[in-house]
Amino acid sequence: MTMISSIRSRMAKHAQYRRTLNELYSMTEADMRDLNMDRADMSRIAYQAVYGG
């Protein structure tokens, strides 16, 4: 992988992470309760969804 494609890949992953995080933060409290989620967990959840782990 060239340096340029590596940078593009990282930028695309980060953009996907931000979109995922924004969607999670847009959830209502009721939605979060239904899914047994807490706002404190959202960064971790978004990271795992995009980067795995």
PDB file of N, CA and C in Angstrom:
ATOM      1  N   MET A   1       0.859  -1.180   0.000  1.00  0.00           N
ATOM      2  CA  MET A   1       0.000   0.000   0.000  1.00  0.00           C
ATOM      3  C   MET A   1       0.897   1.233   0.000  1.00  0.00           C
ATOM      4  N   THR A   2       0.621   2.155  -0.870  1.00  0.00           N
ATOM      5  CA  THR A   2       1.424   3.364  -0.914  1.00  0.00           C
ATOM      6  C   THR A   2       1.048   4.284   0.241  1.00  0.00           C
ATOM      7  N   MET A   3       1.900   5.229   0.496  1.00  0.00           N
ATOM      8  CA  MET A   3       1.647   6.157   1.594  1.00  0.00           C
ATOM      9  C   MET A   3       0.353   6.945   1.352  1.00  0.00           C
ATOM     10  N   ILE A   4       0.121   7.354   0.110  1.00  0.00           N
ATOM     11  CA  ILE A   4      -1.089   8.130  -0.214  1.00  0.00           C
ATOM     12  C   ILE A   4      -2.330   7.292   0.028  1.00  0.00           C
ATOM     13  N   SER A   5      -2.329   6.042  -0.436  1.00  0.00           N
ATOM     14  CA  SER A   5      -3.521   5.200  -0.242  1.00  0.00           C
ATOM     15  C   SER A   5      -3.711   4.862   1.227  1.00  0.00           C
ATOM     16  N   SER A   6      -2.618   4.754   1.969  1.00  0.00           N
ATOM     17  CA  SER A   6      -2.715   4.506   3.403  1.00  0.00           C
ATOM     18  C   SER A   6      -3.369   5.696   4.111  1.00  0.00           C
ATOM     19  N   ILE A   7      -2.966   6.892   3.737  1.00  0.00           N
ATOM     20  CA  ILE A   7      -3.544   8.107   4.327  1.00  0.00           C
ATOM     21  C   ILE A   7      -5.022   8.205   3.968  1.00  0.00           C
ATOM     22  N   ARG A   8      -5.347   7.934   2.710  1.00  0.00           N
ATOM     23  CA  ARG A   8      -6.751   7.976   2.288  1.00  0.00           C
ATOM     24  C   ARG A   8      -7.588   6.959   3.056  1.00  0.00           C
ATOM     25  N   SER A   9      -7.046   5.785   3.240  1.00  0.00           N
ATOM     26  CA  SER A   9      -7.756   4.738   3.973  1.00  0.00           C
ATOM     27  C   SER A   9      -8.010   5.168   5.421  1.00  0.00           C
ATOM     28  N   ARG A  10      -6.987   5.714   6.064  1.00  0.00           N
ATOM     29  CA  ARG A  10      -7.151   6.181   7.448  1.00  0.00           C
ATOM     30  C   ARG A  10      -8.169   7.313   7.541  1.00  0.00           C
ATOM     31  N   MET A  11      -8.144   8.215   6.561  1.00  0.00           N
ATOM     32  CA  MET A  11      -9.102   9.329   6.554  1.00  0.00           C
ATOM     33  C   MET A  11     -10.528   8.811   6.354  1.00  0.00           C
ATOM     34  N   ALA A  12     -10.693   7.830   5.481  1.00  0.00           N
ATOM     35  CA  ALA A  12     -12.019   7.262   5.243  1.00  0.00           C
ATOM     36  C   ALA A  12     -12.537   6.554   6.500  1.00  0.00           C
ATOM     37  N   LYS A  13     -11.652   5.821   7.162  1.00  0.00           N
ATOM     38  CA  LYS A  13     -12.057   5.143   8.401  1.00  0.00           C
ATOM     39  C   LYS A  13     -12.452   6.162   9.464  1.00  0.00           C
ATOM     40  N   HIS A  14     -11.682   7.231   9.580  1.00  0.00           N
ATOM     41  CA  HIS A  14     -11.992   8.250  10.586  1.00  0.00           C
ATOM     42  C   HIS A  14     -13.322   8.925  10.272  1.00  0.00           C
ATOM     43  N   ALA A  15     -13.582   9.197   8.995  1.00  0.00           N
ATOM     44  CA  ALA A  15     -14.861   9.808   8.604  1.00  0.00           C
ATOM     45  C   ALA A  15     -16.013   8.864   8.944  1.00  0.00           C
ATOM     46  N   GLN A  16     -15.812   7.580   8.708  1.00  0.00           N
ATOM     47  CA  GLN A  16     -16.842   6.590   9.046  1.00  0.00           C
ATOM     48  C   GLN A  16     -17.062   6.543  10.561  1.00  0.00           C
ATOM     49  N   TYR A  17     -15.978   6.619  11.323  1.00  0.00           N
ATOM     50  CA  TYR A  17     -16.078   6.656  12.783  1.00  0.00           C
ATOM     51  C   TYR A  17     -16.886   7.870  13.235  1.00  0.00           C
ATOM     52  N   ARG A  18     -16.603   9.049  12.671  1.00  0.00           N
ATOM     53  CA  ARG A  18     -17.327  10.272  13.048  1.00  0.00           C
ATOM     54  C   ARG A  18     -18.813  10.160  12.699  1.00  0.00           C
ATOM     55  N   ARG A  19     -19.131   9.614  11.525  1.00  0.00           N
ATOM     56  CA  ARG A  19     -20.540   9.434  11.130  1.00  0.00           C
ATOM     57  C   ARG A  19     -21.246   8.483  12.097  1.00  0.00           C
ATOM     58  N   THR A  20     -20.577   7.398  12.432  1.00  0.00           N
ATOM     59  CA  THR A  20     -21.157   6.420  13.357  1.00  0.00           C
ATOM     60  C   THR A  20     -21.377   7.066  14.722  1.00  0.00           C
ATOM     61  N   LEU A  21     -20.390   7.793  15.197  1.00  0.00           N
ATOM     62  CA  LEU A  21     -20.506   8.465  16.494  1.00  0.00           C
ATOM     63  C   LEU A  21     -21.632   9.490  16.478  1.00  0.00           C
ATOM     64  N   ASN A  22     -21.756  10.258  15.415  1.00  0.00           N
ATOM     65  CA  ASN A  22     -22.834  11.244  15.309  1.00  0.00           C
ATOM     66  C   ASN A  22     -24.201  10.573  15.335  1.00  0.00           C
ATOM     67  N   GLU A  23     -24.315   9.435  14.646  1.00  0.00           N
ATOM     68  CA  GLU A  23     -25.591   8.707  14.669  1.00  0.00           C
ATOM     69  C   GLU A  23     -25.916   8.206  16.065  1.00  0.00           C
ATOM     70  N   LEU A  24     -24.920   7.688  16.744  1.00  0.00           N
ATOM     71  CA  LEU A  24     -25.150   7.204  18.106  1.00  0.00           C
ATOM     72  C   LEU A  24     -25.578   8.353  19.020  1.00  0.00           C
ATOM     73  N   TYR A  25     -24.898   9.498  18.907  1.00  0.00           N
ATOM     74  CA  TYR A  25     -25.243  10.638  19.753  1.00  0.00           C
ATOM     75  C   TYR A  25     -26.617  11.225  19.427  1.00  0.00           C
ATOM     76  N   SER A  26     -27.143  10.936  18.250  1.00  0.00           N
ATOM     77  CA  SER A  26     -28.464  11.449  17.897  1.00  0.00           C
ATOM     78  C   SER A  26     -29.598  10.594  18.467  1.00  0.00           C
ATOM     79  N   MET A  27     -29.250   9.465  19.059  1.00  0.00           N
ATOM     80  CA  MET A  27     -30.273   8.584  19.637  1.00  0.00           C
ATOM     81  C   MET A  27     -30.939   9.240  20.844  1.00  0.00           C
ATOM     82  N   THR A  28     -32.205   8.936  21.029  1.00  0.00           N
ATOM     83  CA  THR A  28     -32.907   9.441  22.202  1.00  0.00           C
ATOM     84  C   THR A  28     -32.543   8.601  23.421  1.00  0.00           C
ATOM     85  N   GLU A  29     -32.810   9.136  24.580  1.00  0.00           N
ATOM     86  CA  GLU A  29     -32.562   8.394  25.822  1.00  0.00           C
ATOM     87  C   GLU A  29     -33.358   7.092  25.843  1.00  0.00           C
ATOM     88  N   ALA A  30     -34.585   7.133  25.332  1.00  0.00           N
ATOM     89  CA  ALA A  30     -35.425   5.929  25.294  1.00  0.00           C
ATOM     90  C   ALA A  30     -34.811   4.859  24.393  1.00  0.00           C
ATOM     91  N   ASP A  31     -34.306   5.277  23.229  1.00  0.00           N
ATOM     92  CA  ASP A  31     -33.652   4.328  22.325  1.00  0.00           C
ATOM     93  C   ASP A  31     -32.442   3.694  23.000  1.00  0.00           C
ATOM     94  N   MET A  32     -31.672   4.518  23.680  1.00  0.00           N
ATOM     95  CA  MET A  32     -30.480   4.000  24.359  1.00  0.00           C
ATOM     96  C   MET A  32     -30.856   3.008  25.459  1.00  0.00           C
ATOM     97  N   ARG A  33     -31.895   3.329  26.205  1.00  0.00           N
ATOM     98  CA  ARG A  33     -32.345   2.391  27.243  1.00  0.00           C
ATOM     99  C   ARG A  33     -32.787   1.074  26.625  1.00  0.00           C
ATOM    100  N   ASP A  34     -33.523   1.144  25.510  1.00  0.00           N
ATOM    101  CA  ASP A  34     -33.978  -0.074  24.828  1.00  0.00           C
ATOM    102  C   ASP A  34     -32.806  -0.955  24.417  1.00  0.00           C
ATOM    103  N   LEU A  35     -31.700  -0.332  24.036  1.00  0.00           N
ATOM    104  CA  LEU A  35     -30.518  -1.074  23.596  1.00  0.00           C
ATOM    105  C   LEU A  35     -29.516  -1.300  24.724  1.00  0.00           C
ATOM    106  N   ASN A  36     -29.885  -0.896  25.935  1.00  0.00           N
ATOM    107  CA  ASN A  36     -29.025  -1.035  27.113  1.00  0.00           C
ATOM    108  C   ASN A  36     -27.668  -0.356  26.880  1.00  0.00           C
ATOM    109  N   MET A  37     -27.735   0.887  26.375  1.00  0.00           N
ATOM    110  CA  MET A  37     -26.532   1.664  26.082  1.00  0.00           C
ATOM    111  C   MET A  37     -26.492   2.905  26.965  1.00  0.00           C
ATOM    112  N   ASP A  38     -25.298   3.419  27.126  1.00  0.00           N
ATOM    113  CA  ASP A  38     -25.085   4.645  27.873  1.00  0.00           C
ATOM    114  C   ASP A  38     -24.247   5.581  27.004  1.00  0.00           C
ATOM    115  N   ARG A  39     -24.445   6.860  27.128  1.00  0.00           N
ATOM    116  CA  ARG A  39     -23.681   7.817  26.317  1.00  0.00           C
ATOM    117  C   ARG A  39     -22.177   7.651  26.529  1.00  0.00           C
ATOM    118  N   ALA A  40     -21.775   7.235  27.712  1.00  0.00           N
ATOM    119  CA  ALA A  40     -20.354   7.049  27.996  1.00  0.00           C
ATOM    120  C   ALA A  40     -19.745   5.927  27.156  1.00  0.00           C
ATOM    121  N   ASP A  41     -20.560   5.025  26.647  1.00  0.00           N
ATOM    122  CA  ASP A  41     -20.077   3.891  25.857  1.00  0.00           C
ATOM    123  C   ASP A  41     -19.992   4.187  24.361  1.00  0.00           C
ATOM    124  N   MET A  42     -20.491   5.317  23.919  1.00  0.00           N
ATOM    125  CA  MET A  42     -20.654   5.558  22.492  1.00  0.00           C
ATOM    126  C   MET A  42     -19.344   5.627  21.727  1.00  0.00           C
ATOM    127  N   SER A  43     -18.329   6.220  22.280  1.00  0.00           N
ATOM    128  CA  SER A  43     -17.037   6.281  21.584  1.00  0.00           C
ATOM    129  C   SER A  43     -16.492   4.876  21.367  1.00  0.00           C
ATOM    130  N   ARG A  44     -16.574   4.053  22.377  1.00  0.00           N
ATOM    131  CA  ARG A  44     -16.085   2.672  22.281  1.00  0.00           C
ATOM    132  C   ARG A  44     -16.884   1.884  21.257  1.00  0.00           C
ATOM    133  N   ILE A  45     -18.196   2.031  21.289  1.00  0.00           N
ATOM    134  CA  ILE A  45     -19.073   1.319  20.360  1.00  0.00           C
ATOM    135  C   ILE A  45     -18.775   1.739  18.912  1.00  0.00           C
ATOM    136  N   ALA A  46     -18.625   3.031  18.680  1.00  0.00           N
ATOM    137  CA  ALA A  46     -18.336   3.517  17.328  1.00  0.00           C
ATOM    138  C   ALA A  46     -16.970   3.015  16.869  1.00  0.00           C
ATOM    139  N   TYR A  47     -15.993   3.041  17.756  1.00  0.00           N
ATOM    140  CA  TYR A  47     -14.659   2.573  17.409  1.00  0.00           C
ATOM    141  C   TYR A  47     -14.682   1.096  17.019  1.00  0.00           C
ATOM    142  N   GLN A  48     -15.367   0.299  17.830  1.00  0.00           N
ATOM    143  CA  GLN A  48     -15.450  -1.137  17.540  1.00  0.00           C
ATOM    144  C   GLN A  48     -16.190  -1.406  16.238  1.00  0.00           C
ATOM    145  N   ALA A  49     -17.214  -0.625  15.954  1.00  0.00           N
ATOM    146  CA  ALA A  49     -17.983  -0.816  14.730  1.00  0.00           C
ATOM    147  C   ALA A  49     -17.141  -0.534  13.488  1.00  0.00           C
ATOM    148  N   VAL A  50     -16.248   0.438  13.575  1.00  0.00           N
ATOM    149  CA  VAL A  50     -15.471   0.835  12.416  1.00  0.00           C
ATOM    150  C   VAL A  50     -14.142   0.094  12.317  1.00  0.00           C
ATOM    151  N   TYR A  51     -13.445  -0.015  13.439  1.00  0.00           N
ATOM    152  CA  TYR A  51     -12.091  -0.572  13.426  1.00  0.00           C
ATOM    153  C   TYR A  51     -12.025  -2.028  13.892  1.00  0.00           C
ATOM    154  N   GLY A  52     -13.132  -2.533  14.414  1.00  0.00           N
ATOM    155  CA  GLY A  52     -13.135  -3.898  14.944  1.00  0.00           C
ATOM    156  C   GLY A  52     -12.571  -3.933  16.351  1.00  0.00           C
ATOM    157  N   GLY A  53     -12.581  -5.106  16.913  1.00  0.00           N
ATOM    158  CA  GLY A  53     -11.984  -5.250  18.242  1.00  0.00           C
ATOM    159  C   GLY A  53     -12.940  -5.311  19.309  1.00  0.00           C
TER     160      GLY A  53
END
